[in-house]
Amino acid sequence: MQQILITGKQGSGKSTLLSTIQSRTKHETIGFTQPSLGRDDKNERIGYDIKIINGESIPVARKNPLADQIQEFQSRPRVPRFIFYDEAFEKTRQILLKQWNIPSGEKLILIFDELGFLENEEGGHWPLLVDLSNKICSLRNCATILVCAVRKTLEETFATKLSNLFPKSNAIILDLDTNNNLEEQMSLLNKFTL
């Protein structure tokens, strides 16, 4: 199995690149992207939806209204910027496991956007990744490529976690902060995903 971890700061194009891979590949693809829903008048992101490949959109996170109110105080407690909907992760898991019908010998592209702090604590999309790893390991002659967006601060952590989850695999890290040319990125990715 090949792992491609796409990393970069917020707004660097990780989700856009994943969508481009999905639209250009000729191989079986399952997974999701999590596009931003836009920005508010303070230029802060207002939330995210899970967009299942060839499927529906599921609300997953919205800006926490308390975050703005508490920021006015100098010694504010830690307040999460977003409220996450746990049921969205379970619904995504159920949909993708139902979509799974990959015969042996096929090339499979898995797209995950994104692995972050929730997944690092084995929440969020992590249970789905564990379920899919069990299915992948049971396939014979299946060339599987996992392409995920990963928080920049967690890239090494996830490189290790994923190599433990998928033995006999290696990871390539594509940092969009150092390579922001879409055609160069696609050229690098083409040898694996198209």
N, C-alpha and C. Protein backbone atom coordinates (compact mmCIF):
# COMPACT_ATOMS: atom_id res chain seq x y z
N MET A 1 0.84 -1.18 0.00
CA MET A 1 0.00 0.00 0.00
C MET A 1 0.88 1.24 0.00
N GLN A 2 0.48 2.22 -0.77
CA GLN A 2 1.18 3.50 -0.83
C GLN A 2 0.37 4.54 -0.06
N GLN A 3 1.04 5.35 0.73
CA GLN A 3 0.38 6.46 1.43
C GLN A 3 0.95 7.77 0.90
N ILE A 4 0.06 8.70 0.60
CA ILE A 4 0.48 10.04 0.21
C ILE A 4 -0.18 11.00 1.17
N LEU A 5 0.64 11.67 1.97
CA LEU A 5 0.13 12.63 2.94
C LEU A 5 0.34 14.03 2.38
N ILE A 6 -0.76 14.73 2.17
CA ILE A 6 -0.71 16.08 1.63
C ILE A 6 -0.86 17.03 2.80
N THR A 7 0.12 17.89 2.97
CA THR A 7 0.12 18.79 4.11
C THR A 7 0.35 20.22 3.64
N GLY A 8 0.04 21.15 4.50
CA GLY A 8 0.19 22.57 4.19
C GLY A 8 -0.66 23.38 5.13
N LYS A 9 -0.39 24.66 5.15
CA LYS A 9 -1.17 25.52 6.07
C LYS A 9 -2.61 25.62 5.58
N GLN A 10 -3.46 26.14 6.44
CA GLN A 10 -4.87 26.33 6.10
C GLN A 10 -4.97 27.20 4.85
N GLY A 11 -5.78 26.74 3.89
CA GLY A 11 -5.96 27.49 2.66
C GLY A 11 -4.89 27.24 1.60
N SER A 12 -4.02 26.26 1.82
CA SER A 12 -2.93 26.00 0.86
C SER A 12 -3.39 25.18 -0.35
N GLY A 13 -4.59 24.61 -0.30
CA GLY A 13 -5.11 23.86 -1.44
C GLY A 13 -5.17 22.36 -1.25
N LYS A 14 -5.11 21.89 0.00
CA LYS A 14 -5.14 20.44 0.24
C LYS A 14 -6.44 19.82 -0.28
N SER A 15 -7.58 20.39 0.09
CA SER A 15 -8.87 19.85 -0.35
C SER A 15 -9.03 19.97 -1.86
N THR A 16 -8.57 21.06 -2.43
CA THR A 16 -8.64 21.26 -3.88
C THR A 16 -7.83 20.19 -4.60
N LEU A 17 -6.64 19.89 -4.10
CA LEU A 17 -5.80 18.87 -4.72
C LEU A 17 -6.47 17.49 -4.61
N LEU A 18 -7.06 17.18 -3.48
CA LEU A 18 -7.75 15.89 -3.34
C LEU A 18 -8.92 15.79 -4.31
N SER A 19 -9.66 16.87 -4.48
CA SER A 19 -10.77 16.87 -5.44
C SER A 19 -10.25 16.69 -6.87
N THR A 20 -9.11 17.28 -7.18
CA THR A 20 -8.51 17.15 -8.51
C THR A 20 -8.08 15.71 -8.76
N ILE A 21 -7.47 15.09 -7.76
CA ILE A 21 -7.07 13.68 -7.90
C ILE A 21 -8.30 12.84 -8.18
N GLN A 22 -9.35 13.06 -7.41
CA GLN A 22 -10.57 12.27 -7.55
C GLN A 22 -11.18 12.44 -8.95
N SER A 23 -11.15 13.64 -9.46
CA SER A 23 -11.77 13.87 -10.77
C SER A 23 -10.92 13.36 -11.94
N ARG A 24 -9.61 13.23 -11.74
CA ARG A 24 -8.73 12.83 -12.84
C ARG A 24 -8.38 11.33 -12.87
N THR A 25 -8.56 10.65 -11.76
CA THR A 25 -8.14 9.25 -11.75
C THR A 25 -9.14 8.37 -12.50
N LYS A 26 -8.63 7.29 -13.07
CA LYS A 26 -9.50 6.35 -13.77
C LYS A 26 -9.78 5.12 -12.91
N HIS A 27 -9.23 5.09 -11.70
CA HIS A 27 -9.36 3.94 -10.81
C HIS A 27 -10.53 4.12 -9.84
N GLU A 28 -10.93 2.99 -9.27
CA GLU A 28 -11.98 3.02 -8.25
C GLU A 28 -11.55 3.95 -7.12
N THR A 29 -12.43 4.86 -6.72
CA THR A 29 -12.11 5.84 -5.69
C THR A 29 -13.25 5.89 -4.69
N ILE A 30 -12.90 5.78 -3.42
CA ILE A 30 -13.88 6.02 -2.36
C ILE A 30 -13.25 6.96 -1.35
N GLY A 31 -14.09 7.67 -0.63
CA GLY A 31 -13.59 8.58 0.38
C GLY A 31 -14.41 9.85 0.42
N PHE A 32 -13.76 10.93 0.84
CA PHE A 32 -14.48 12.18 1.04
C PHE A 32 -13.50 13.35 1.09
N THR A 33 -14.04 14.52 0.82
CA THR A 33 -13.34 15.77 1.08
C THR A 33 -14.16 16.53 2.11
N GLN A 34 -13.56 17.52 2.72
CA GLN A 34 -14.24 18.36 3.70
C GLN A 34 -14.06 19.82 3.31
N PRO A 35 -14.80 20.28 2.31
CA PRO A 35 -14.61 21.66 1.87
C PRO A 35 -15.12 22.66 2.91
N SER A 36 -14.46 23.79 2.92
CA SER A 36 -14.89 24.89 3.79
C SER A 36 -16.19 25.48 3.24
N LEU A 37 -17.02 25.95 4.13
CA LEU A 37 -18.29 26.57 3.73
C LEU A 37 -18.16 28.06 3.49
N GLY A 38 -16.94 28.56 3.52
CA GLY A 38 -16.73 29.99 3.30
C GLY A 38 -16.27 30.69 4.57
N ARG A 39 -16.28 32.00 4.51
CA ARG A 39 -15.77 32.82 5.62
C ARG A 39 -16.81 33.84 6.05
N ASP A 40 -16.70 34.25 7.31
CA ASP A 40 -17.62 35.26 7.84
C ASP A 40 -17.03 36.65 7.62
N ASP A 41 -17.68 37.66 8.19
CA ASP A 41 -17.22 39.04 8.00
C ASP A 41 -15.88 39.32 8.68
N LYS A 42 -15.42 38.42 9.56
CA LYS A 42 -14.11 38.56 10.19
C LYS A 42 -13.06 37.72 9.46
N ASN A 43 -13.44 37.19 8.30
CA ASN A 43 -12.58 36.36 7.45
C ASN A 43 -12.18 35.05 8.13
N GLU A 44 -13.06 34.54 9.00
CA GLU A 44 -12.83 33.26 9.65
C GLU A 44 -13.76 32.22 9.03
N ARG A 45 -13.27 31.00 8.92
CA ARG A 45 -14.08 29.93 8.33
C ARG A 45 -15.32 29.69 9.19
N ILE A 46 -16.46 29.46 8.50
CA ILE A 46 -17.72 29.28 9.24
C ILE A 46 -18.06 27.82 9.47
N GLY A 47 -17.40 26.91 8.78
CA GLY A 47 -17.68 25.50 9.01
C GLY A 47 -17.22 24.63 7.86
N TYR A 48 -17.51 23.34 8.01
CA TYR A 48 -17.12 22.35 7.02
C TYR A 48 -18.23 21.32 6.87
N ASP A 49 -18.34 20.78 5.67
CA ASP A 49 -19.21 19.63 5.40
C ASP A 49 -18.33 18.50 4.90
N ILE A 50 -18.76 17.27 5.15
CA ILE A 50 -18.12 16.11 4.55
C ILE A 50 -18.81 15.90 3.21
N LYS A 51 -18.04 15.86 2.14
CA LYS A 51 -18.57 15.61 0.80
C LYS A 51 -18.10 14.22 0.37
N ILE A 52 -19.05 13.26 0.45
CA ILE A 52 -18.73 11.90 0.05
C ILE A 52 -18.50 11.88 -1.47
N ILE A 53 -17.44 11.20 -1.90
CA ILE A 53 -17.19 11.09 -3.34
C ILE A 53 -18.38 10.37 -3.97
N ASN A 54 -18.93 10.97 -5.02
CA ASN A 54 -20.12 10.45 -5.71
C ASN A 54 -21.31 10.28 -4.76
N GLY A 55 -21.44 11.19 -3.81
CA GLY A 55 -22.53 11.05 -2.85
C GLY A 55 -22.95 12.37 -2.23
N GLU A 56 -23.46 12.27 -1.06
CA GLU A 56 -24.08 13.40 -0.39
C GLU A 56 -23.09 14.24 0.42
N SER A 57 -23.58 15.39 0.86
CA SER A 57 -22.83 16.24 1.78
C SER A 57 -23.43 16.09 3.17
N ILE A 58 -22.55 16.04 4.17
CA ILE A 58 -22.97 15.85 5.55
C ILE A 58 -22.36 16.97 6.39
N PRO A 59 -23.18 17.76 7.08
CA PRO A 59 -22.61 18.79 7.97
C PRO A 59 -21.75 18.14 9.05
N VAL A 60 -20.51 18.63 9.23
CA VAL A 60 -19.62 18.03 10.23
C VAL A 60 -19.13 19.02 11.27
N ALA A 61 -18.97 20.30 10.91
CA ALA A 61 -18.44 21.27 11.88
C ALA A 61 -18.96 22.66 11.56
N ARG A 62 -19.26 23.38 12.61
CA ARG A 62 -19.67 24.78 12.47
C ARG A 62 -18.91 25.60 13.49
N LYS A 63 -18.70 26.86 13.14
CA LYS A 63 -17.99 27.77 14.02
C LYS A 63 -18.70 27.86 15.36
N ASN A 64 -17.93 27.79 16.42
CA ASN A 64 -18.47 27.87 17.78
C ASN A 64 -18.77 29.33 18.10
N PRO A 65 -20.05 29.69 18.34
CA PRO A 65 -20.38 31.09 18.62
C PRO A 65 -19.71 31.62 19.89
N LEU A 66 -19.35 30.74 20.81
CA LEU A 66 -18.69 31.18 22.04
C LEU A 66 -17.24 31.60 21.81
N ALA A 67 -16.62 31.10 20.76
CA ALA A 67 -15.21 31.41 20.50
C ALA A 67 -15.00 32.90 20.34
N ASP A 68 -15.87 33.60 19.61
CA ASP A 68 -15.74 35.04 19.42
C ASP A 68 -15.99 35.80 20.71
N GLN A 69 -16.98 35.38 21.47
CA GLN A 69 -17.32 36.08 22.71
C GLN A 69 -16.20 35.99 23.73
N ILE A 70 -15.59 34.84 23.86
CA ILE A 70 -14.57 34.64 24.88
C ILE A 70 -13.24 35.27 24.46
N GLN A 71 -13.00 35.45 23.17
CA GLN A 71 -11.75 36.05 22.71
C GLN A 71 -11.60 37.49 23.20
N GLU A 72 -12.68 38.12 23.59
CA GLU A 72 -12.60 39.50 24.06
C GLU A 72 -11.88 39.61 25.39
N PHE A 73 -11.80 38.52 26.16
CA PHE A 73 -11.13 38.52 27.45
C PHE A 73 -9.68 38.12 27.27
N GLN A 74 -8.78 38.78 28.05
CA GLN A 74 -7.36 38.49 27.88
C GLN A 74 -6.99 37.09 28.37
N SER A 75 -7.52 36.70 29.51
CA SER A 75 -7.19 35.38 30.05
C SER A 75 -8.36 34.42 29.79
N ARG A 76 -8.52 34.10 28.53
CA ARG A 76 -9.67 33.27 28.17
C ARG A 76 -9.32 31.79 28.30
N PRO A 77 -10.33 30.99 28.68
CA PRO A 77 -10.10 29.55 28.68
C PRO A 77 -10.03 29.04 27.25
N ARG A 78 -9.51 27.85 27.08
CA ARG A 78 -9.42 27.25 25.75
C ARG A 78 -10.82 26.86 25.28
N VAL A 79 -11.26 27.49 24.21
CA VAL A 79 -12.57 27.21 23.63
C VAL A 79 -12.34 26.74 22.20
N PRO A 80 -12.92 25.59 21.83
CA PRO A 80 -12.73 25.12 20.45
C PRO A 80 -13.34 26.08 19.45
N ARG A 81 -12.65 26.27 18.32
CA ARG A 81 -13.17 27.17 17.28
C ARG A 81 -14.39 26.59 16.59
N PHE A 82 -14.50 25.25 16.56
CA PHE A 82 -15.61 24.60 15.87
C PHE A 82 -16.32 23.62 16.78
N ILE A 83 -17.60 23.47 16.53
CA ILE A 83 -18.39 22.42 17.16
C ILE A 83 -18.51 21.30 16.14
N PHE A 84 -18.08 20.10 16.51
CA PHE A 84 -18.14 18.95 15.61
C PHE A 84 -19.36 18.11 15.93
N TYR A 85 -19.96 17.57 14.88
CA TYR A 85 -21.13 16.71 15.01
C TYR A 85 -20.69 15.26 14.92
N ASP A 86 -20.65 14.57 16.05
CA ASP A 86 -20.18 13.19 16.10
C ASP A 86 -20.95 12.28 15.15
N GLU A 87 -22.26 12.53 15.02
CA GLU A 87 -23.08 11.68 14.16
C GLU A 87 -22.63 11.75 12.69
N ALA A 88 -21.99 12.84 12.29
CA ALA A 88 -21.51 12.97 10.91
C ALA A 88 -20.40 11.96 10.63
N PHE A 89 -19.54 11.73 11.60
CA PHE A 89 -18.45 10.76 11.41
C PHE A 89 -19.01 9.34 11.27
N GLU A 90 -19.99 9.01 12.10
CA GLU A 90 -20.60 7.67 12.03
C GLU A 90 -21.37 7.49 10.72
N LYS A 91 -22.08 8.53 10.29
CA LYS A 91 -22.82 8.42 9.02
C LYS A 91 -21.86 8.24 7.85
N THR A 92 -20.76 8.96 7.85
CA THR A 92 -19.74 8.82 6.81
C THR A 92 -19.19 7.40 6.81
N ARG A 93 -18.89 6.89 7.99
CA ARG A 93 -18.37 5.53 8.12
C ARG A 93 -19.34 4.52 7.52
N GLN A 94 -20.62 4.64 7.87
CA GLN A 94 -21.62 3.69 7.36
C GLN A 94 -21.73 3.76 5.84
N ILE A 95 -21.75 4.97 5.29
CA ILE A 95 -21.88 5.14 3.83
C ILE A 95 -20.69 4.52 3.11
N LEU A 96 -19.47 4.82 3.59
CA LEU A 96 -18.29 4.32 2.88
C LEU A 96 -18.14 2.81 3.02
N LEU A 97 -18.51 2.25 4.14
CA LEU A 97 -18.44 0.80 4.28
C LEU A 97 -19.47 0.11 3.38
N LYS A 98 -20.62 0.75 3.16
CA LYS A 98 -21.61 0.20 2.23
C LYS A 98 -21.12 0.31 0.79
N GLN A 99 -20.36 1.36 0.47
CA GLN A 99 -19.84 1.54 -0.88
C GLN A 99 -18.74 0.53 -1.22
N TRP A 100 -18.15 -0.08 -0.20
CA TRP A 100 -17.01 -0.96 -0.40
C TRP A 100 -17.41 -2.19 -1.19
N ASN A 101 -16.88 -2.33 -2.38
CA ASN A 101 -17.11 -3.51 -3.21
C ASN A 101 -15.96 -3.59 -4.19
N ILE A 102 -14.79 -3.84 -3.68
CA ILE A 102 -13.58 -3.79 -4.49
C ILE A 102 -13.09 -5.21 -4.76
N PRO A 103 -13.11 -5.65 -6.01
CA PRO A 103 -12.60 -6.98 -6.31
C PRO A 103 -11.07 -7.02 -6.23
N SER A 104 -10.55 -8.19 -5.94
CA SER A 104 -9.09 -8.35 -5.90
C SER A 104 -8.50 -7.99 -7.26
N GLY A 105 -7.30 -7.43 -7.22
CA GLY A 105 -6.61 -7.08 -8.46
C GLY A 105 -6.87 -5.68 -8.95
N GLU A 106 -7.81 -4.98 -8.38
CA GLU A 106 -8.12 -3.61 -8.80
C GLU A 106 -7.26 -2.61 -8.04
N LYS A 107 -6.99 -1.49 -8.68
CA LYS A 107 -6.32 -0.39 -8.00
C LYS A 107 -7.39 0.44 -7.31
N LEU A 108 -7.18 0.76 -6.07
CA LEU A 108 -8.14 1.50 -5.27
C LEU A 108 -7.48 2.76 -4.72
N ILE A 109 -8.16 3.89 -4.88
CA ILE A 109 -7.69 5.16 -4.32
C ILE A 109 -8.63 5.51 -3.17
N LEU A 110 -8.07 5.65 -1.97
CA LEU A 110 -8.83 6.12 -0.80
C LEU A 110 -8.48 7.57 -0.55
N ILE A 111 -9.48 8.43 -0.45
CA ILE A 111 -9.25 9.85 -0.23
C ILE A 111 -9.86 10.24 1.12
N PHE A 112 -9.03 10.79 1.99
CA PHE A 112 -9.45 11.26 3.31
C PHE A 112 -9.03 12.71 3.49
N ASP A 113 -9.98 13.56 3.78
CA ASP A 113 -9.72 15.00 3.98
C ASP A 113 -10.45 15.45 5.24
N GLU A 114 -9.87 15.63 6.32
CA GLU A 114 -8.46 15.56 6.63
C GLU A 114 -8.26 14.81 7.92
N LEU A 115 -7.02 14.41 8.18
CA LEU A 115 -6.67 13.81 9.46
C LEU A 115 -6.11 14.92 10.33
N GLY A 116 -6.71 15.10 11.50
CA GLY A 116 -6.30 16.18 12.39
C GLY A 116 -6.30 15.74 13.84
N PHE A 117 -6.59 16.69 14.73
CA PHE A 117 -6.49 16.44 16.16
C PHE A 117 -7.49 15.37 16.64
N LEU A 118 -8.70 15.35 16.09
CA LEU A 118 -9.67 14.33 16.50
C LEU A 118 -9.15 12.93 16.16
N GLU A 119 -8.64 12.77 14.95
CA GLU A 119 -8.13 11.47 14.52
C GLU A 119 -6.87 11.08 15.29
N ASN A 120 -6.08 12.06 15.68
CA ASN A 120 -4.89 11.77 16.47
C ASN A 120 -5.27 11.17 17.83
N GLU A 121 -6.45 11.52 18.32
CA GLU A 121 -6.95 10.96 19.58
C GLU A 121 -7.86 9.76 19.31
N GLU A 122 -7.80 9.23 18.09
CA GLU A 122 -8.54 8.05 17.64
C GLU A 122 -10.05 8.28 17.59
N GLY A 123 -10.44 9.54 17.40
CA GLY A 123 -11.84 9.89 17.17
C GLY A 123 -12.01 10.32 15.73
N GLY A 124 -13.08 11.08 15.47
CA GLY A 124 -13.32 11.60 14.13
C GLY A 124 -13.41 10.48 13.10
N HIS A 125 -12.57 10.54 12.07
CA HIS A 125 -12.57 9.56 10.99
C HIS A 125 -11.67 8.35 11.27
N TRP A 126 -10.97 8.33 12.40
CA TRP A 126 -10.03 7.25 12.67
C TRP A 126 -10.70 5.87 12.69
N PRO A 127 -11.88 5.69 13.35
CA PRO A 127 -12.51 4.36 13.32
C PRO A 127 -12.80 3.87 11.90
N LEU A 128 -13.18 4.77 11.00
CA LEU A 128 -13.40 4.39 9.61
C LEU A 128 -12.11 3.91 8.97
N LEU A 129 -11.02 4.61 9.22
CA LEU A 129 -9.73 4.22 8.66
C LEU A 129 -9.31 2.84 9.18
N VAL A 130 -9.57 2.57 10.45
CA VAL A 130 -9.27 1.25 11.02
C VAL A 130 -10.11 0.18 10.32
N ASP A 131 -11.42 0.44 10.16
CA ASP A 131 -12.29 -0.53 9.46
C ASP A 131 -11.80 -0.79 8.04
N LEU A 132 -11.44 0.27 7.32
CA LEU A 132 -10.97 0.11 5.94
C LEU A 132 -9.63 -0.61 5.89
N SER A 133 -8.77 -0.39 6.89
CA SER A 133 -7.48 -1.08 6.90
C SER A 133 -7.69 -2.59 7.01
N ASN A 134 -8.67 -3.01 7.81
CA ASN A 134 -8.96 -4.44 7.92
C ASN A 134 -9.44 -5.01 6.58
N LYS A 135 -10.28 -4.25 5.88
CA LYS A 135 -10.77 -4.70 4.57
C LYS A 135 -9.63 -4.75 3.54
N ILE A 136 -8.78 -3.74 3.56
CA ILE A 136 -7.66 -3.68 2.61
C ILE A 136 -6.70 -4.84 2.84
N CYS A 137 -6.40 -5.12 4.10
CA CYS A 137 -5.45 -6.20 4.41
C CYS A 137 -6.01 -7.56 4.01
N SER A 138 -7.34 -7.69 3.90
CA SER A 138 -7.93 -8.97 3.51
C SER A 138 -7.96 -9.17 1.99
N LEU A 139 -7.73 -8.11 1.23
CA LEU A 139 -7.74 -8.22 -0.23
C LEU A 139 -6.44 -8.81 -0.75
N ARG A 140 -6.53 -9.54 -1.82
CA ARG A 140 -5.33 -10.08 -2.47
C ARG A 140 -5.11 -9.28 -3.76
N ASN A 141 -3.86 -8.94 -3.99
CA ASN A 141 -3.48 -8.27 -5.24
C ASN A 141 -4.23 -6.96 -5.47
N CYS A 142 -4.51 -6.24 -4.43
CA CYS A 142 -5.18 -4.95 -4.56
C CYS A 142 -4.14 -3.86 -4.32
N ALA A 143 -3.90 -3.05 -5.31
CA ALA A 143 -2.97 -1.93 -5.17
C ALA A 143 -3.76 -0.75 -4.60
N THR A 144 -3.60 -0.53 -3.31
CA THR A 144 -4.34 0.52 -2.63
C THR A 144 -3.45 1.72 -2.38
N ILE A 145 -4.01 2.89 -2.65
CA ILE A 145 -3.29 4.13 -2.40
C ILE A 145 -4.16 4.99 -1.50
N LEU A 146 -3.63 5.34 -0.35
CA LEU A 146 -4.32 6.22 0.58
C LEU A 146 -3.76 7.62 0.39
N VAL A 147 -4.65 8.55 0.03
CA VAL A 147 -4.24 9.94 -0.15
C VAL A 147 -5.01 10.75 0.87
N CYS A 148 -4.31 11.38 1.80
CA CYS A 148 -5.00 12.18 2.81
C CYS A 148 -4.35 13.51 3.04
N ALA A 149 -5.23 14.46 3.36
CA ALA A 149 -4.76 15.76 3.84
C ALA A 149 -4.50 15.59 5.32
N VAL A 150 -3.39 16.15 5.77
CA VAL A 150 -2.98 16.01 7.16
C VAL A 150 -2.58 17.38 7.68
N ARG A 151 -3.00 17.67 8.91
CA ARG A 151 -2.56 18.91 9.55
C ARG A 151 -1.04 18.97 9.55
N LYS A 152 -0.51 20.10 9.19
CA LYS A 152 0.94 20.29 9.09
C LYS A 152 1.65 19.89 10.39
N THR A 153 1.07 20.28 11.52
CA THR A 153 1.71 20.00 12.81
C THR A 153 1.66 18.52 13.18
N LEU A 154 0.88 17.73 12.44
CA LEU A 154 0.72 16.31 12.77
C LEU A 154 1.26 15.38 11.69
N GLU A 155 1.97 15.90 10.70
CA GLU A 155 2.38 15.06 9.58
C GLU A 155 3.26 13.89 10.00
N GLU A 156 4.23 14.11 10.86
CA GLU A 156 5.11 13.01 11.30
C GLU A 156 4.34 12.02 12.18
N THR A 157 3.46 12.54 13.03
CA THR A 157 2.63 11.68 13.88
C THR A 157 1.80 10.73 13.03
N PHE A 158 1.15 11.27 11.98
CA PHE A 158 0.31 10.42 11.15
C PHE A 158 1.12 9.51 10.24
N ALA A 159 2.28 9.92 9.83
CA ALA A 159 3.14 9.02 9.05
C ALA A 159 3.42 7.77 9.88
N THR A 160 3.68 7.94 11.16
CA THR A 160 3.94 6.81 12.06
C THR A 160 2.66 6.01 12.32
N LYS A 161 1.56 6.71 12.65
CA LYS A 161 0.30 6.01 12.95
C LYS A 161 -0.18 5.20 11.76
N LEU A 162 -0.07 5.75 10.56
CA LEU A 162 -0.54 5.04 9.38
C LEU A 162 0.36 3.86 9.02
N SER A 163 1.67 4.00 9.26
CA SER A 163 2.55 2.86 8.98
C SER A 163 2.28 1.73 9.97
N ASN A 164 1.83 2.05 11.18
CA ASN A 164 1.43 1.01 12.13
C ASN A 164 0.10 0.37 11.72
N LEU A 165 -0.81 1.17 11.19
CA LEU A 165 -2.12 0.68 10.78
C LEU A 165 -2.04 -0.15 9.50
N PHE A 166 -1.16 0.26 8.60
CA PHE A 166 -0.97 -0.43 7.32
C PHE A 166 0.47 -0.93 7.24
N PRO A 167 0.74 -2.11 7.81
CA PRO A 167 2.12 -2.62 7.75
C PRO A 167 2.57 -2.79 6.30
N LYS A 168 3.85 -2.77 6.10
CA LYS A 168 4.45 -2.93 4.77
C LYS A 168 4.03 -1.81 3.82
N SER A 169 3.84 -0.63 4.35
CA SER A 169 3.52 0.52 3.50
C SER A 169 4.53 1.62 3.77
N ASN A 170 4.60 2.54 2.84
CA ASN A 170 5.47 3.68 3.04
C ASN A 170 4.71 4.96 2.72
N ALA A 171 5.18 6.06 3.25
CA ALA A 171 4.49 7.34 3.07
C ALA A 171 5.36 8.34 2.33
N ILE A 172 4.70 9.05 1.43
CA ILE A 172 5.30 10.21 0.76
C ILE A 172 4.58 11.42 1.33
N ILE A 173 5.33 12.44 1.71
CA ILE A 173 4.72 13.66 2.23
C ILE A 173 4.88 14.74 1.17
N LEU A 174 3.75 15.29 0.73
CA LEU A 174 3.75 16.38 -0.25
C LEU A 174 3.34 17.65 0.50
N ASP A 175 4.29 18.55 0.70
CA ASP A 175 4.06 19.78 1.45
C ASP A 175 3.68 20.89 0.47
N LEU A 176 2.43 21.33 0.53
CA LEU A 176 1.95 22.36 -0.39
C LEU A 176 2.52 23.74 -0.07
N ASP A 177 3.09 23.90 1.11
CA ASP A 177 3.73 25.17 1.43
C ASP A 177 5.03 25.36 0.65
N THR A 178 5.67 24.25 0.29
CA THR A 178 6.93 24.35 -0.46
C THR A 178 6.73 24.05 -1.94
N ASN A 179 5.59 23.45 -2.30
CA ASN A 179 5.31 23.17 -3.71
C ASN A 179 3.85 23.52 -3.97
N ASN A 180 3.60 24.73 -4.45
CA ASN A 180 2.21 25.17 -4.64
C ASN A 180 1.80 25.25 -6.12
N ASN A 181 2.54 24.58 -6.99
CA ASN A 181 2.19 24.55 -8.41
C ASN A 181 1.35 23.30 -8.67
N LEU A 182 0.06 23.49 -9.01
CA LEU A 182 -0.86 22.38 -9.18
C LEU A 182 -0.37 21.37 -10.21
N GLU A 183 0.15 21.81 -11.32
CA GLU A 183 0.60 20.87 -12.35
C GLU A 183 1.80 20.05 -11.88
N GLU A 184 2.72 20.67 -11.13
CA GLU A 184 3.85 19.91 -10.57
C GLU A 184 3.36 18.89 -9.54
N GLN A 185 2.39 19.30 -8.73
CA GLN A 185 1.82 18.38 -7.74
C GLN A 185 1.19 17.18 -8.45
N MET A 186 0.40 17.46 -9.48
CA MET A 186 -0.28 16.39 -10.20
C MET A 186 0.74 15.49 -10.92
N SER A 187 1.81 16.07 -11.43
CA SER A 187 2.83 15.27 -12.08
C SER A 187 3.44 14.27 -11.09
N LEU A 188 3.71 14.72 -9.88
CA LEU A 188 4.24 13.84 -8.85
C LEU A 188 3.22 12.76 -8.49
N LEU A 189 1.97 13.16 -8.36
CA LEU A 189 0.93 12.22 -7.93
C LEU A 189 0.50 11.26 -9.04
N ASN A 190 0.66 11.66 -10.30
CA ASN A 190 0.21 10.83 -11.43
C ASN A 190 0.80 9.43 -11.42
N LYS A 191 2.06 9.32 -11.03
CA LYS A 191 2.69 8.00 -11.06
C LYS A 191 2.07 7.04 -10.06
N PHE A 192 1.33 7.58 -9.08
CA PHE A 192 0.69 6.72 -8.10
C PHE A 192 -0.81 6.57 -8.31
N THR A 193 -1.48 7.66 -8.68
CA THR A 193 -2.94 7.67 -8.59
C THR A 193 -3.69 7.61 -9.91
N LEU A 194 -3.04 7.92 -11.02
CA LEU A 194 -3.81 7.96 -12.29
C LEU A 194 -3.56 6.75 -13.16
